[in-house]
Amino acid sequence: QEQLAEAGGGLVRPGGSLRLSCVVSGISSTPDVMGWYRQAPGKERELVARAYTYGWTEYADSVKGRFTISRDDANATAYLQMNSLKPEDTADYYCNAGRIRVPRFDIWGQGTQVTVSS
């Protein structure tokens, strides 16, 4: 069964750092894309960052220069290094692994909470 598990969330002070990780299991092929999304209370889920198999990455404007997404395809893992965290980064963070080629899949994790507060 395809599963995805996130870890690394927590409480951090403004200006601090956290590293989120996401491990995919139950798949037989490398995801075309792995991404991080977040949803703050009362707001819609939004893209934070995505990383494609050919090395291209994209980021939300609000996190450019502060967050870095990376992949370790040998271990079906993605990371999100978050630096210079701000209170507005507070949200539940979700990892996604997708593949548009056969075999197709679109897998979401349960989320990990990040709270930035003094």
Protein backbone atom coordinates (compact mmCIF):
# COMPACT_ATOMS: atom_id res chain seq x y z
CA GLN A 1 0.00 0.00 0.00
CA GLU A 2 1.30 3.43 -0.92
CA GLN A 3 2.04 5.56 2.11
CA LEU A 4 3.79 8.77 2.92
CA ALA A 5 4.99 9.85 6.34
CA GLU A 6 6.15 13.33 7.34
CA ALA A 7 8.27 14.24 10.33
CA GLY A 8 10.17 17.18 11.74
CA GLY A 9 7.50 19.67 12.69
CA GLY A 10 7.40 21.47 15.99
CA LEU A 11 7.52 24.77 17.82
CA VAL A 12 10.29 27.20 16.89
CA ARG A 13 11.02 30.84 17.62
CA PRO A 14 10.97 33.44 14.85
CA GLY A 15 14.25 33.36 12.99
CA GLY A 16 14.79 29.70 13.80
CA SER A 17 15.06 26.66 11.56
CA LEU A 18 13.36 23.32 11.08
CA ARG A 19 13.92 20.46 8.69
CA LEU A 20 10.93 18.45 7.55
CA SER A 21 11.27 14.99 6.06
CA CYS A 22 8.91 12.85 4.04
CA VAL A 23 9.36 9.15 3.29
CA VAL A 24 7.32 7.34 0.65
CA SER A 25 6.69 3.61 0.88
CA GLY A 26 4.80 1.05 -1.14
CA ILE A 27 5.78 2.44 -4.56
CA SER A 28 7.70 0.70 -7.31
CA SER A 29 8.71 3.76 -9.34
CA THR A 30 10.32 7.10 -8.62
CA PRO A 31 7.90 10.02 -8.20
CA ASP A 32 8.00 12.58 -11.01
CA VAL A 33 7.51 15.29 -8.44
CA MET A 34 7.67 15.63 -4.69
CA GLY A 35 6.28 18.69 -3.03
CA TRP A 36 5.48 20.39 0.21
CA TYR A 37 2.23 22.24 0.80
CA ARG A 38 0.89 24.00 3.85
CA GLN A 39 -2.45 24.98 5.27
CA ALA A 40 -2.85 27.61 7.94
CA PRO A 41 -6.02 27.83 10.08
CA GLY A 42 -8.85 29.32 8.06
CA LYS A 43 -6.87 29.33 4.83
CA GLU A 44 -6.65 27.12 1.78
CA ARG A 45 -3.80 24.70 1.21
CA GLU A 46 -0.99 26.32 -0.76
CA LEU A 47 2.14 25.16 -2.50
CA VAL A 48 5.38 25.75 -0.62
CA ALA A 49 7.92 24.01 -2.85
CA ARG A 50 8.21 21.23 -5.45
CA ALA A 51 11.13 19.25 -6.78
CA TYR A 52 11.08 17.32 -10.05
CA THR A 53 13.15 14.31 -11.04
CA TYR A 54 15.19 16.28 -13.59
CA GLY A 55 16.34 18.67 -10.90
CA TRP A 56 14.02 21.61 -11.42
CA THR A 57 12.56 23.15 -8.29
CA GLU A 58 9.94 25.79 -7.69
CA TYR A 59 9.03 27.81 -4.62
CA ALA A 60 6.27 30.04 -3.41
CA ASP A 61 7.38 33.67 -3.45
CA SER A 62 6.85 33.86 0.30
CA VAL A 63 9.53 31.26 1.02
CA LYS A 64 12.11 31.96 -1.69
CA GLY A 65 15.56 32.40 -0.21
CA ARG A 66 14.51 30.88 3.11
CA PHE A 67 13.33 27.35 2.31
CA THR A 68 15.12 24.64 0.34
CA ILE A 69 13.56 21.46 -0.99
CA SER A 70 15.68 18.42 -1.76
CA ARG A 71 15.17 14.79 -2.72
CA ASP A 72 16.92 11.53 -2.01
CA ASP A 73 15.38 9.23 -4.59
CA ALA A 74 17.43 6.24 -3.51
CA ASN A 75 15.56 6.37 -0.21
CA ALA A 76 12.26 7.77 -1.56
CA THR A 77 12.65 10.75 0.72
CA ALA A 78 12.13 14.48 0.38
CA TYR A 79 13.25 17.23 2.72
CA LEU A 80 12.26 20.80 3.35
CA GLN A 81 14.90 22.90 5.09
CA MET A 82 13.21 25.95 6.56
CA ASN A 83 15.36 28.84 7.75
CA SER A 84 14.55 32.31 9.02
CA LEU A 85 11.10 31.16 10.02
CA LYS A 86 8.38 33.72 10.52
CA PRO A 87 5.11 33.56 12.46
CA GLU A 88 3.25 33.55 9.13
CA ASP A 89 4.92 30.23 8.31
CA THR A 90 2.80 28.62 11.02
CA ALA A 91 0.70 25.90 9.39
CA ASP A 92 0.21 22.20 8.91
CA TYR A 93 2.73 21.04 6.31
CA TYR A 94 1.87 18.23 3.92
CA CYS A 95 4.11 16.25 1.62
CA ASN A 96 2.97 15.00 -1.75
CA ALA A 97 4.49 12.47 -4.15
CA GLY A 98 3.14 12.32 -7.67
CA ARG A 99 3.80 10.46 -10.88
CA ILE A 100 2.07 11.17 -14.19
CA ARG A 101 3.81 8.38 -16.05
CA VAL A 102 2.61 4.80 -15.64
CA PRO A 103 2.40 3.60 -12.90
CA ARG A 104 0.58 6.76 -11.85
CA PHE A 105 0.08 7.80 -8.25
CA ASP A 106 -0.73 10.85 -6.16
CA ILE A 107 0.07 10.29 -2.51
CA TRP A 108 -0.44 12.65 0.43
CA GLY A 109 0.77 12.42 3.98
CA GLN A 110 -1.15 13.21 7.15
CA GLY A 111 0.77 16.41 7.74
CA THR A 112 3.11 17.76 10.38
CA GLN A 113 2.48 20.91 12.37
CA VAL A 114 4.88 23.83 12.35
CA THR A 115 4.38 26.65 14.83
CA VAL A 116 6.56 29.75 14.78
CA SER A 117 6.08 31.77 17.92
CA SER A 118 8.05 33.56 20.58
